[in-house]
Amino acid sequence: MTATPQASSPKRLGVNVFTAPAKAVVGERPRPFGEPLAWDPITSTLIYGEYDAVLVDTLTTVAEATALADWIALHHRNLTTIYVTHGHFDHFFGLSVLLNRFPDARAIATPKSVQLMHQQLESGPLDGFFRRWWPGQLSPQMATAEPYEDDTFTLEGHELRIIEQGRTDTVHTTSLHVPCIDLVVGGDVLYNQCHMFIGGTTPESRRNWIAALDRLAALRPKIAVAGHKKPGVPDSPSAIEDSKRYLQDFELEQSTTTDEELFNEMTKRYPDWESNQSWLMFDFPTSPNPTED
C-alpha cells in the first residue's frame, strides 16, 4: 500500500511586543492638576511565522520608529504587512520610517481609518499642533496606509481577523484577532494599566467602548496586547476587564462637582496606573481627537 502524502500544517505563529516609554510633550498642561504634560507609553506588536511577519501599529517619532525597525530586524523575518489599527496620529506617524526600512512591506488599514489619517495630515493647523509637541522629532515626510476592504488577511497560512469596533477612544477603531494563538491586539480599544484617553467621550460612546471590550473578552484570548500599556506589565487578558472597570468607574464619578474632584477620585482608584495627565480625562481646547462624522 502506498501512503498518500499529507499536506503539512502551517507552523505555529509567535508574537512579541515593543513598548515605547512615555515621552515629554512641549506645552502647558490644559488644567493646573495632574502630572506634567506627556504622552503615554505606546505599543507595536510583531506577529511572526517561520519566514514572514506582520507588524501592528508604528509608533510616533522618528527615534521610536527607528528603534522599532532595528528590533524587527533582529527577528530575521520578511516583514510583509503593516496593519494600522486606527487613524490616531501616534499609531501611524512612524510609518514612513518603517516603509523606508522595509520597502516591500504593504501598509494597510480599514478605509475609514485611512480617511482619518488623511484628515489629520491634511489639516495644516493640526499638523502644526503635533509638530509643536515634539519639535524636530516627527518625520518630515508622512505616509499613510492603503485602504483594505476585506476583514481578514493571512500570515503563512494563518488567518488574522480585523474587528471593526466603532467609536472607542476615537472614531472607526479596530482590533486584530489571531485565533491560532489566541491573541488579540486591541489597538486603543484596550489599555493596560495606563489612564485611558476618555477626553471627548460621551456616555453613549463609552457604552460602545464597553461593548467593544466585551467583544474582545468573548474571544477568550490568552494574550491581549493593549495600544497603550505600562512598561513591563504582562499582556494579560485581565486588561480587558480592567479597562472596562475604568470606564464604568469614570461614569460613576461623573456626579462629582468639579473636574479636579473627578480627576482626584480616578487617581485614588488607580494610583499605580501610568500617565496620570489631566488631558487624558479632559480634552485639550484644540483636540487631536476627531468627532464622529
C-alpha atoms as a PDB file:
ATOM      1  CA  MET A   1       0.000   0.000   0.000  1.00  0.00           C
ATOM      2  CA  THR A   2       1.278   3.440  -0.905  1.00  0.00           C
ATOM      3  CA  ALA A   3       0.810   6.206   1.649  1.00  0.00           C
ATOM      4  CA  THR A   4      -0.944   9.317   0.423  1.00  0.00           C
ATOM      5  CA  PRO A   5       1.176  12.418   1.042  1.00  0.00           C
ATOM      6  CA  GLN A   6      -0.471  14.736   3.554  1.00  0.00           C
ATOM      7  CA  ALA A   7      -0.285  18.498   3.310  1.00  0.00           C
ATOM      8  CA  SER A   8       1.835  19.799   6.165  1.00  0.00           C
ATOM      9  CA  SER A   9       0.047  22.074   8.613  1.00  0.00           C
ATOM     10  CA  PRO A  10       1.246  25.662   8.971  1.00  0.00           C
ATOM     11  CA  LYS A  11       3.918  26.308  11.579  1.00  0.00           C
ATOM     12  CA  ARG A  12       2.735  27.956  14.782  1.00  0.00           C
ATOM     13  CA  LEU A  13       2.966  31.754  14.919  1.00  0.00           C
ATOM     14  CA  GLY A  14       4.806  33.747  17.562  1.00  0.00           C
ATOM     15  CA  VAL A  15       4.278  37.226  18.951  1.00  0.00           C
ATOM     16  CA  ASN A  16       6.494  39.888  20.527  1.00  0.00           C
ATOM     17  CA  VAL A  17       5.525  43.338  21.796  1.00  0.00           C
ATOM     18  CA  PHE A  18       7.614  46.513  21.595  1.00  0.00           C
ATOM     19  CA  THR A  19       6.710  49.187  24.161  1.00  0.00           C
ATOM     20  CA  ALA A  20       7.956  52.747  23.700  1.00  0.00           C
ATOM     21  CA  PRO A  21       8.059  54.534  27.071  1.00  0.00           C
ATOM     22  CA  ALA A  22       6.210  57.715  27.926  1.00  0.00           C
ATOM     23  CA  LYS A  23       7.693  60.861  26.393  1.00  0.00           C
ATOM     24  CA  ALA A  24       7.552  64.521  27.270  1.00  0.00           C
ATOM     25  CA  VAL A  25       5.344  66.920  25.319  1.00  0.00           C
ATOM     26  CA  VAL A  26       6.280  70.559  24.785  1.00  0.00           C
ATOM     27  CA  GLY A  27       3.445  72.723  26.065  1.00  0.00           C
ATOM     28  CA  GLU A  28       1.431  73.715  29.085  1.00  0.00           C
ATOM     29  CA  ARG A  29      -0.912  71.308  30.785  1.00  0.00           C
ATOM     30  CA  PRO A  30      -4.521  72.236  29.968  1.00  0.00           C
ATOM     31  CA  ARG A  31      -5.530  72.226  33.662  1.00  0.00           C
ATOM     32  CA  PRO A  32      -3.481  73.031  36.777  1.00  0.00           C
ATOM     33  CA  PHE A  33      -3.562  69.470  38.144  1.00  0.00           C
ATOM     34  CA  GLY A  34      -2.153  66.106  37.202  1.00  0.00           C
ATOM     35  CA  GLU A  35       1.328  65.166  36.049  1.00  0.00           C
ATOM     36  CA  PRO A  36       3.314  67.399  33.666  1.00  0.00           C
ATOM     37  CA  LEU A  37       2.254  67.189  30.030  1.00  0.00           C
ATOM     38  CA  ALA A  38       3.459  63.935  28.443  1.00  0.00           C
ATOM     39  CA  TRP A  39       2.410  61.134  26.088  1.00  0.00           C
ATOM     40  CA  ASP A  40       1.597  57.707  27.455  1.00  0.00           C
ATOM     41  CA  PRO A  41       3.617  54.568  26.587  1.00  0.00           C
ATOM     42  CA  ILE A  42       2.605  53.020  23.279  1.00  0.00           C
ATOM     43  CA  THR A  43       2.998  49.569  21.750  1.00  0.00           C
ATOM     44  CA  SER A  44       3.731  47.883  18.432  1.00  0.00           C
ATOM     45  CA  THR A  45       3.152  44.156  18.003  1.00  0.00           C
ATOM     46  CA  LEU A  46       5.109  41.793  15.764  1.00  0.00           C
ATOM     47  CA  ILE A  47       3.344  38.567  14.774  1.00  0.00           C
ATOM     48  CA  TYR A  48       5.734  36.203  13.020  1.00  0.00           C
ATOM     49  CA  GLY A  49       5.924  32.803  11.399  1.00  0.00           C
ATOM     50  CA  GLU A  50       8.857  30.753  10.208  1.00  0.00           C
ATOM     51  CA  TYR A  51       9.787  33.213   7.437  1.00  0.00           C
ATOM     52  CA  ASP A  52       7.410  36.191   7.396  1.00  0.00           C
ATOM     53  CA  ALA A  53       5.983  38.706   9.859  1.00  0.00           C
ATOM     54  CA  VAL A  54       3.198  41.245  10.325  1.00  0.00           C
ATOM     55  CA  LEU A  55       3.578  44.456  12.337  1.00  0.00           C
ATOM     56  CA  VAL A  56       0.648  46.126  14.073  1.00  0.00           C
ATOM     57  CA  ASP A  57       0.983  49.931  14.534  1.00  0.00           C
ATOM     58  CA  THR A  58       4.121  52.011  14.004  1.00  0.00           C
ATOM     59  CA  LEU A  59       4.666  54.391  16.958  1.00  0.00           C
ATOM     60  CA  THR A  60       5.095  58.151  16.590  1.00  0.00           C
ATOM     61  CA  THR A  61       8.528  59.802  16.488  1.00  0.00           C
ATOM     62  CA  VAL A  62      11.461  59.083  14.175  1.00  0.00           C
ATOM     63  CA  ALA A  63      13.534  57.834  17.116  1.00  0.00           C
ATOM     64  CA  GLU A  64      10.800  55.430  18.218  1.00  0.00           C
ATOM     65  CA  ALA A  65      10.177  54.095  14.721  1.00  0.00           C
ATOM     66  CA  THR A  66      13.909  53.666  14.086  1.00  0.00           C
ATOM     67  CA  ALA A  67      14.313  51.687  17.311  1.00  0.00           C
ATOM     68  CA  LEU A  68      11.266  49.638  16.309  1.00  0.00           C
ATOM     69  CA  ALA A  69      12.759  48.902  12.873  1.00  0.00           C
ATOM     70  CA  ASP A  70      16.033  47.755  14.463  1.00  0.00           C
ATOM     71  CA  TRP A  71      14.067  45.481  16.810  1.00  0.00           C
ATOM     72  CA  ILE A  72      12.078  43.985  13.920  1.00  0.00           C
ATOM     73  CA  ALA A  73      15.315  43.268  12.046  1.00  0.00           C
ATOM     74  CA  LEU A  74      16.547  41.203  14.995  1.00  0.00           C
ATOM     75  CA  HIS A  75      13.755  38.700  14.312  1.00  0.00           C
ATOM     76  CA  HIS A  76      15.210  37.847  10.859  1.00  0.00           C
ATOM     77  CA  ARG A  77      11.803  37.649   9.204  1.00  0.00           C
ATOM     78  CA  ASN A  78      10.443  39.152   6.000  1.00  0.00           C
ATOM     79  CA  LEU A  79       8.041  41.934   7.011  1.00  0.00           C
ATOM     80  CA  THR A  80       5.147  41.510   4.586  1.00  0.00           C
ATOM     81  CA  THR A  81       2.396  43.625   6.137  1.00  0.00           C
ATOM     82  CA  ILE A  82       1.997  46.602   8.444  1.00  0.00           C
ATOM     83  CA  TYR A  83      -1.520  46.870   9.848  1.00  0.00           C
ATOM     84  CA  VAL A  84      -2.629  50.142  11.478  1.00  0.00           C
ATOM     85  CA  THR A  85      -5.469  49.703  13.961  1.00  0.00           C
ATOM     86  CA  HIS A  86      -6.914  53.216  13.681  1.00  0.00           C
ATOM     87  CA  GLY A  87      -6.239  56.703  12.393  1.00  0.00           C
ATOM     88  CA  HIS A  88      -4.840  58.378  15.508  1.00  0.00           C
ATOM     89  CA  PHE A  89      -1.522  60.003  14.604  1.00  0.00           C
ATOM     90  CA  ASP A  90       0.521  58.258  17.306  1.00  0.00           C
ATOM     91  CA  HIS A  91      -0.152  54.889  15.653  1.00  0.00           C
ATOM     92  CA  PHE A  92       0.898  55.791  12.101  1.00  0.00           C
ATOM     93  CA  PHE A  93       3.320  58.758  12.157  1.00  0.00           C
ATOM     94  CA  GLY A  94       6.211  56.257  12.270  1.00  0.00           C
ATOM     95  CA  LEU A  95       5.014  54.537   9.103  1.00  0.00           C
ATOM     96  CA  SER A  96       7.310  56.351   6.668  1.00  0.00           C
ATOM     97  CA  VAL A  97      10.365  55.292   8.692  1.00  0.00           C
ATOM     98  CA  LEU A  98       9.215  51.651   8.644  1.00  0.00           C
ATOM     99  CA  LEU A  99       8.478  51.680   4.897  1.00  0.00           C
ATOM    100  CA  ASN A 100      11.890  53.168   4.156  1.00  0.00           C
ATOM    101  CA  ARG A 101      13.490  50.352   6.128  1.00  0.00           C
ATOM    102  CA  PHE A 102      11.170  47.611   4.794  1.00  0.00           C
ATOM    103  CA  PRO A 103      10.138  48.812   1.309  1.00  0.00           C
ATOM    104  CA  ASP A 104       8.498  45.512   0.342  1.00  0.00           C
ATOM    105  CA  ALA A 105       6.021  45.662   3.216  1.00  0.00           C
ATOM    106  CA  ARG A 106       2.416  46.584   2.437  1.00  0.00           C
ATOM    107  CA  ALA A 107       0.794  49.049   4.852  1.00  0.00           C
ATOM    108  CA  ILE A 108      -2.960  48.554   5.251  1.00  0.00           C
ATOM    109  CA  ALA A 109      -5.848  49.824   7.364  1.00  0.00           C
ATOM    110  CA  THR A 110      -9.607  49.944   7.034  1.00  0.00           C
ATOM    111  CA  PRO A 111     -10.882  52.591   4.581  1.00  0.00           C
ATOM    112  CA  LYS A 112     -12.345  54.696   7.399  1.00  0.00           C
ATOM    113  CA  SER A 113      -9.068  54.595   9.315  1.00  0.00           C
ATOM    114  CA  VAL A 114      -7.197  55.715   6.205  1.00  0.00           C
ATOM    115  CA  GLN A 115      -9.672  58.559   5.762  1.00  0.00           C
ATOM    116  CA  LEU A 116      -8.945  59.711   9.319  1.00  0.00           C
ATOM    117  CA  MET A 117      -5.183  59.556   8.673  1.00  0.00           C
ATOM    118  CA  HIS A 118      -5.587  61.871   5.678  1.00  0.00           C
ATOM    119  CA  GLN A 119      -7.769  64.240   7.694  1.00  0.00           C
ATOM    120  CA  GLN A 120      -5.055  64.554  10.335  1.00  0.00           C
ATOM    121  CA  LEU A 121      -2.290  65.117   7.789  1.00  0.00           C
ATOM    122  CA  GLU A 122      -4.230  67.487   5.528  1.00  0.00           C
ATOM    123  CA  SER A 123      -5.232  69.832   8.337  1.00  0.00           C
ATOM    124  CA  GLY A 124      -2.411  72.386   8.467  1.00  0.00           C
ATOM    125  CA  PRO A 125      -3.203  73.661  11.985  1.00  0.00           C
ATOM    126  CA  LEU A 126      -3.482  70.105  13.304  1.00  0.00           C
ATOM    127  CA  ASP A 127      -0.182  69.028  11.752  1.00  0.00           C
ATOM    128  CA  GLY A 128       1.484  72.092  13.275  1.00  0.00           C
ATOM    129  CA  PHE A 129      -0.115  71.226  16.595  1.00  0.00           C
ATOM    130  CA  PHE A 130       1.648  67.842  16.650  1.00  0.00           C
ATOM    131  CA  ARG A 131       4.982  69.263  15.490  1.00  0.00           C
ATOM    132  CA  ARG A 132       4.928  71.824  18.305  1.00  0.00           C
ATOM    133  CA  TRP A 133       4.543  68.971  20.769  1.00  0.00           C
ATOM    134  CA  TRP A 134       7.691  67.221  19.525  1.00  0.00           C
ATOM    135  CA  PRO A 135       9.794  69.815  17.650  1.00  0.00           C
ATOM    136  CA  GLY A 136      12.183  68.172  15.196  1.00  0.00           C
ATOM    137  CA  GLN A 137      11.148  64.661  16.270  1.00  0.00           C
ATOM    138  CA  LEU A 138       8.486  63.804  13.682  1.00  0.00           C
ATOM    139  CA  SER A 139       9.237  62.636  10.163  1.00  0.00           C
ATOM    140  CA  PRO A 140       9.182  65.463   7.581  1.00  0.00           C
ATOM    141  CA  GLN A 141       7.575  63.038   5.118  1.00  0.00           C
ATOM    142  CA  MET A 142       4.473  61.252   6.364  1.00  0.00           C
ATOM    143  CA  ALA A 143       2.983  58.104   4.845  1.00  0.00           C
ATOM    144  CA  THR A 144      -0.478  56.632   5.217  1.00  0.00           C
ATOM    145  CA  ALA A 145      -1.734  53.083   4.862  1.00  0.00           C
ATOM    146  CA  GLU A 146      -3.687  51.944   1.813  1.00  0.00           C
ATOM    147  CA  PRO A 147      -7.406  51.151   2.245  1.00  0.00           C
ATOM    148  CA  TYR A 148      -8.034  47.462   2.830  1.00  0.00           C
ATOM    149  CA  GLU A 149     -11.598  46.334   2.173  1.00  0.00           C
ATOM    150  CA  ASP A 150     -11.522  42.746   3.460  1.00  0.00           C
ATOM    151  CA  ASP A 151     -11.890  41.731   7.089  1.00  0.00           C
ATOM    152  CA  THR A 152      -9.121  39.105   7.061  1.00  0.00           C
ATOM    153  CA  PHE A 153      -5.576  38.674   5.796  1.00  0.00           C
ATOM    154  CA  THR A 154      -3.068  35.870   6.279  1.00  0.00           C
ATOM    155  CA  LEU A 155       0.393  35.148   7.585  1.00  0.00           C
ATOM    156  CA  GLU A 156       1.940  31.854   6.436  1.00  0.00           C
ATOM    157  CA  GLY A 157      -1.486  30.270   6.040  1.00  0.00           C
ATOM    158  CA  HIS A 158      -2.902  31.571   9.330  1.00  0.00           C
ATOM    159  CA  GLU A 159      -5.867  33.935   9.371  1.00  0.00           C
ATOM    160  CA  LEU A 160      -5.702  37.380  11.010  1.00  0.00           C
ATOM    161  CA  ARG A 161      -9.150  38.871  11.526  1.00  0.00           C
ATOM    162  CA  ILE A 162      -9.977  42.589  11.627  1.00  0.00           C
ATOM    163  CA  ILE A 163     -12.643  43.517  14.184  1.00  0.00           C
ATOM    164  CA  GLU A 164     -14.457  46.787  13.473  1.00  0.00           C
ATOM    165  CA  GLN A 165     -15.022  48.429  16.869  1.00  0.00           C
ATOM    166  CA  GLY A 166     -16.606  51.790  16.019  1.00  0.00           C
ATOM    167  CA  ARG A 167     -16.138  54.723  18.394  1.00  0.00           C
ATOM    168  CA  THR A 168     -13.906  53.989  21.388  1.00  0.00           C
ATOM    169  CA  ASP A 169     -11.120  56.487  22.163  1.00  0.00           C
ATOM    170  CA  THR A 170     -11.647  57.820  18.634  1.00  0.00           C
ATOM    171  CA  VAL A 171     -13.831  57.011  15.636  1.00  0.00           C
ATOM    172  CA  HIS A 172     -13.525  53.928  13.410  1.00  0.00           C
ATOM    173  CA  THR A 173     -11.221  51.947  15.679  1.00  0.00           C
ATOM    174  CA  THR A 174     -10.355  48.290  15.095  1.00  0.00           C
ATOM    175  CA  SER A 175      -8.730  45.369  16.862  1.00  0.00           C
ATOM    176  CA  LEU A 176      -6.965  42.341  15.399  1.00  0.00           C
ATOM    177  CA  HIS A 177      -7.690  38.711  16.317  1.00  0.00           C
ATOM    178  CA  VAL A 178      -5.282  35.861  15.610  1.00  0.00           C
ATOM    179  CA  PRO A 179      -7.252  32.717  16.521  1.00  0.00           C
ATOM    180  CA  CYS A 180      -4.433  30.201  16.033  1.00  0.00           C
ATOM    181  CA  ILE A 181      -2.515  31.626  19.011  1.00  0.00           C
ATOM    182  CA  ASP A 182      -5.487  33.037  20.973  1.00  0.00           C
ATOM    183  CA  LEU A 183      -4.178  36.582  20.513  1.00  0.00           C
ATOM    184  CA  VAL A 184      -5.991  39.883  20.366  1.00  0.00           C
ATOM    185  CA  VAL A 185      -4.169  43.100  19.535  1.00  0.00           C
ATOM    186  CA  GLY A 186      -6.627  45.594  20.902  1.00  0.00           C
ATOM    187  CA  GLY A 187      -5.359  48.862  19.482  1.00  0.00           C
ATOM    188  CA  ASP A 188      -6.692  51.734  21.565  1.00  0.00           C
ATOM    189  CA  VAL A 189      -9.820  49.794  22.433  1.00  0.00           C
ATOM    190  CA  LEU A 190      -7.627  48.277  25.134  1.00  0.00           C
ATOM    191  CA  TYR A 191      -5.373  49.918  27.716  1.00  0.00           C
ATOM    192  CA  ASN A 192      -3.185  48.120  30.235  1.00  0.00           C
ATOM    193  CA  GLN A 193      -2.506  49.959  33.488  1.00  0.00           C
ATOM    194  CA  CYS A 194      -2.470  53.315  31.685  1.00  0.00           C
ATOM    195  CA  HIS A 195      -5.037  56.019  32.309  1.00  0.00           C
ATOM    196  CA  MET A 196      -7.388  55.868  29.333  1.00  0.00           C
ATOM    197  CA  PHE A 197      -7.988  58.661  26.812  1.00  0.00           C
ATOM    198  CA  ILE A 198     -11.602  59.444  27.662  1.00  0.00           C
ATOM    199  CA  GLY A 199     -11.415  63.167  26.948  1.00  0.00           C
ATOM    200  CA  GLY A 200     -14.140  63.996  24.444  1.00  0.00           C
ATOM    201  CA  THR A 201     -16.101  60.781  25.029  1.00  0.00           C
ATOM    202  CA  THR A 202     -19.801  60.781  25.848  1.00  0.00           C
ATOM    203  CA  PRO A 203     -21.965  58.358  27.850  1.00  0.00           C
ATOM    204  CA  GLU A 204     -23.062  56.839  24.546  1.00  0.00           C
ATOM    205  CA  SER A 205     -19.541  56.440  23.165  1.00  0.00           C
ATOM    206  CA  ARG A 206     -18.368  54.946  26.468  1.00  0.00           C
ATOM    207  CA  ARG A 207     -21.166  52.384  26.273  1.00  0.00           C
ATOM    208  CA  ASN A 208     -19.947  51.467  22.787  1.00  0.00           C
ATOM    209  CA  TRP A 209     -16.404  51.261  24.131  1.00  0.00           C
ATOM    210  CA  ILE A 210     -17.528  48.826  26.837  1.00  0.00           C
ATOM    211  CA  ALA A 211     -19.346  46.763  24.175  1.00  0.00           C
ATOM    212  CA  ALA A 212     -16.096  46.685  22.150  1.00  0.00           C
ATOM    213  CA  LEU A 213     -14.230  45.355  25.194  1.00  0.00           C
ATOM    214  CA  ASP A 214     -16.935  42.732  25.657  1.00  0.00           C
ATOM    215  CA  ARG A 215     -16.325  41.614  22.064  1.00  0.00           C
ATOM    216  CA  LEU A 216     -12.652  41.098  22.878  1.00  0.00           C
ATOM    217  CA  ALA A 217     -13.485  39.201  26.064  1.00  0.00           C
ATOM    218  CA  ALA A 218     -15.877  36.919  24.146  1.00  0.00           C
ATOM    219  CA  LEU A 219     -12.921  35.722  22.050  1.00  0.00           C
ATOM    220  CA  ARG A 220     -11.360  34.310  25.262  1.00  0.00           C
ATOM    221  CA  PRO A 221      -7.805  35.323  24.324  1.00  0.00           C
ATOM    222  CA  LYS A 222      -4.765  34.056  26.152  1.00  0.00           C
ATOM    223  CA  ILE A 223      -2.736  37.109  25.084  1.00  0.00           C
ATOM    224  CA  ALA A 224      -4.224  40.614  24.890  1.00  0.00           C
ATOM    225  CA  VAL A 225      -1.994  43.475  23.733  1.00  0.00           C
ATOM    226  CA  ALA A 226      -3.112  46.998  24.583  1.00  0.00           C
ATOM    227  CA  GLY A 227      -2.419  50.025  22.397  1.00  0.00           C
ATOM    228  CA  HIS A 228      -1.054  51.788  25.476  1.00  0.00           C
ATOM    229  CA  LYS A 229       0.388  49.951  28.439  1.00  0.00           C
ATOM    230  CA  LYS A 230       2.597  50.454  31.458  1.00  0.00           C
ATOM    231  CA  PRO A 231       6.080  49.193  30.540  1.00  0.00           C
ATOM    232  CA  GLY A 232       6.864  45.773  31.947  1.00  0.00           C
ATOM    233  CA  VAL A 233       3.328  44.601  32.672  1.00  0.00           C
ATOM    234  CA  PRO A 234       2.226  41.313  31.061  1.00  0.00           C
ATOM    235  CA  ASP A 235      -0.071  41.259  28.034  1.00  0.00           C
ATOM    236  CA  SER A 236      -2.783  39.596  30.062  1.00  0.00           C
ATOM    237  CA  PRO A 237      -6.467  39.320  29.102  1.00  0.00           C
ATOM    238  CA  SER A 238      -7.225  40.715  32.566  1.00  0.00           C
ATOM    239  CA  ALA A 239      -6.526  44.126  30.994  1.00  0.00           C
ATOM    240  CA  ILE A 240      -9.865  43.809  29.177  1.00  0.00           C
ATOM    241  CA  GLU A 241     -11.854  43.767  32.417  1.00  0.00           C
ATOM    242  CA  ASP A 242      -9.577  46.411  33.937  1.00  0.00           C
ATOM    243  CA  SER A 243     -10.279  48.759  31.004  1.00  0.00           C
ATOM    244  CA  LYS A 244     -13.996  48.088  31.269  1.00  0.00           C
ATOM    245  CA  ARG A 245     -13.956  48.821  35.002  1.00  0.00           C
ATOM    246  CA  TYR A 246     -12.091  52.094  34.409  1.00  0.00           C
ATOM    247  CA  LEU A 247     -14.815  53.304  32.051  1.00  0.00           C
ATOM    248  CA  GLN A 248     -17.536  52.223  34.482  1.00  0.00           C
ATOM    249  CA  ASP A 249     -15.811  53.972  37.386  1.00  0.00           C
ATOM    250  CA  PHE A 250     -15.478  57.161  35.353  1.00  0.00           C
ATOM    251  CA  GLU A 251     -19.211  57.012  34.699  1.00  0.00           C
ATOM    252  CA  LEU A 252     -19.934  56.576  38.410  1.00  0.00           C
ATOM    253  CA  GLU A 253     -17.760  59.531  39.364  1.00  0.00           C
ATOM    254  CA  GLN A 254     -19.470  61.914  36.944  1.00  0.00           C
ATOM    255  CA  SER A 255     -21.556  63.220  39.858  1.00  0.00           C
ATOM    256  CA  THR A 256     -18.520  64.953  41.351  1.00  0.00           C
ATOM    257  CA  THR A 257     -18.847  68.719  41.181  1.00  0.00           C
ATOM    258  CA  THR A 258     -15.579  69.752  39.537  1.00  0.00           C
ATOM    259  CA  ASP A 259     -13.107  68.358  37.009  1.00  0.00           C
ATOM    260  CA  GLU A 260     -10.401  68.366  39.679  1.00  0.00           C
ATOM    261  CA  GLU A 261     -12.534  66.320  42.066  1.00  0.00           C
ATOM    262  CA  LEU A 262     -13.279  63.824  39.296  1.00  0.00           C
ATOM    263  CA  PHE A 263      -9.594  63.625  38.439  1.00  0.00           C
ATOM    264  CA  ASN A 264      -8.650  63.093  42.083  1.00  0.00           C
ATOM    265  CA  GLU A 265     -11.221  60.328  42.503  1.00  0.00           C
ATOM    266  CA  MET A 266      -9.923  58.444  39.459  1.00  0.00           C
ATOM    267  CA  THR A 267      -6.345  58.912  40.723  1.00  0.00           C
ATOM    268  CA  LYS A 268      -7.379  57.452  44.070  1.00  0.00           C
ATOM    269  CA  ARG A 269      -8.989  54.444  42.381  1.00  0.00           C
ATOM    270  CA  TYR A 270      -5.995  53.825  40.071  1.00  0.00           C
ATOM    271  CA  PRO A 271      -2.930  55.135  41.952  1.00  0.00           C
ATOM    272  CA  ASP A 272      -0.397  52.877  40.228  1.00  0.00           C
ATOM    273  CA  TRP A 273      -1.537  53.374  36.650  1.00  0.00           C
ATOM    274  CA  GLU A 274       0.812  55.121  34.222  1.00  0.00           C
ATOM    275  CA  SER A 275       0.230  58.567  32.663  1.00  0.00           C
ATOM    276  CA  ASN A 276      -1.854  60.459  35.154  1.00  0.00           C
ATOM    277  CA  GLN A 277      -2.249  63.547  32.953  1.00  0.00           C
ATOM    278  CA  SER A 278      -5.404  65.615  33.078  1.00  0.00           C
ATOM    279  CA  TRP A 279      -5.596  65.895  29.273  1.00  0.00           C
ATOM    280  CA  LEU A 280      -6.391  62.179  29.015  1.00  0.00           C
ATOM    281  CA  MET A 281      -9.525  62.729  31.089  1.00  0.00           C
ATOM    282  CA  PHE A 282     -10.450  66.202  29.852  1.00  0.00           C
ATOM    283  CA  ASP A 283      -9.877  67.196  26.228  1.00  0.00           C
ATOM    284  CA  PHE A 284      -7.459  69.837  25.027  1.00  0.00           C
ATOM    285  CA  PRO A 285      -9.077  73.110  23.863  1.00  0.00           C
ATOM    286  CA  THR A 286      -7.658  72.170  20.421  1.00  0.00           C
ATOM    287  CA  SER A 287      -8.099  68.443  20.475  1.00  0.00           C
ATOM    288  CA  PRO A 288      -6.348  65.909  18.230  1.00  0.00           C
ATOM    289  CA  ASN A 289      -9.336  63.641  18.741  1.00  0.00           C
ATOM    290  CA  PRO A 290     -11.919  63.951  15.944  1.00  0.00           C
ATOM    291  CA  THR A 291     -15.630  63.707  16.499  1.00  0.00           C
ATOM    292  CA  GLU A 292     -17.973  61.326  14.741  1.00  0.00           C
ATOM    293  CA  ASP A 293     -18.817  62.328  11.185  1.00  0.00           C
END
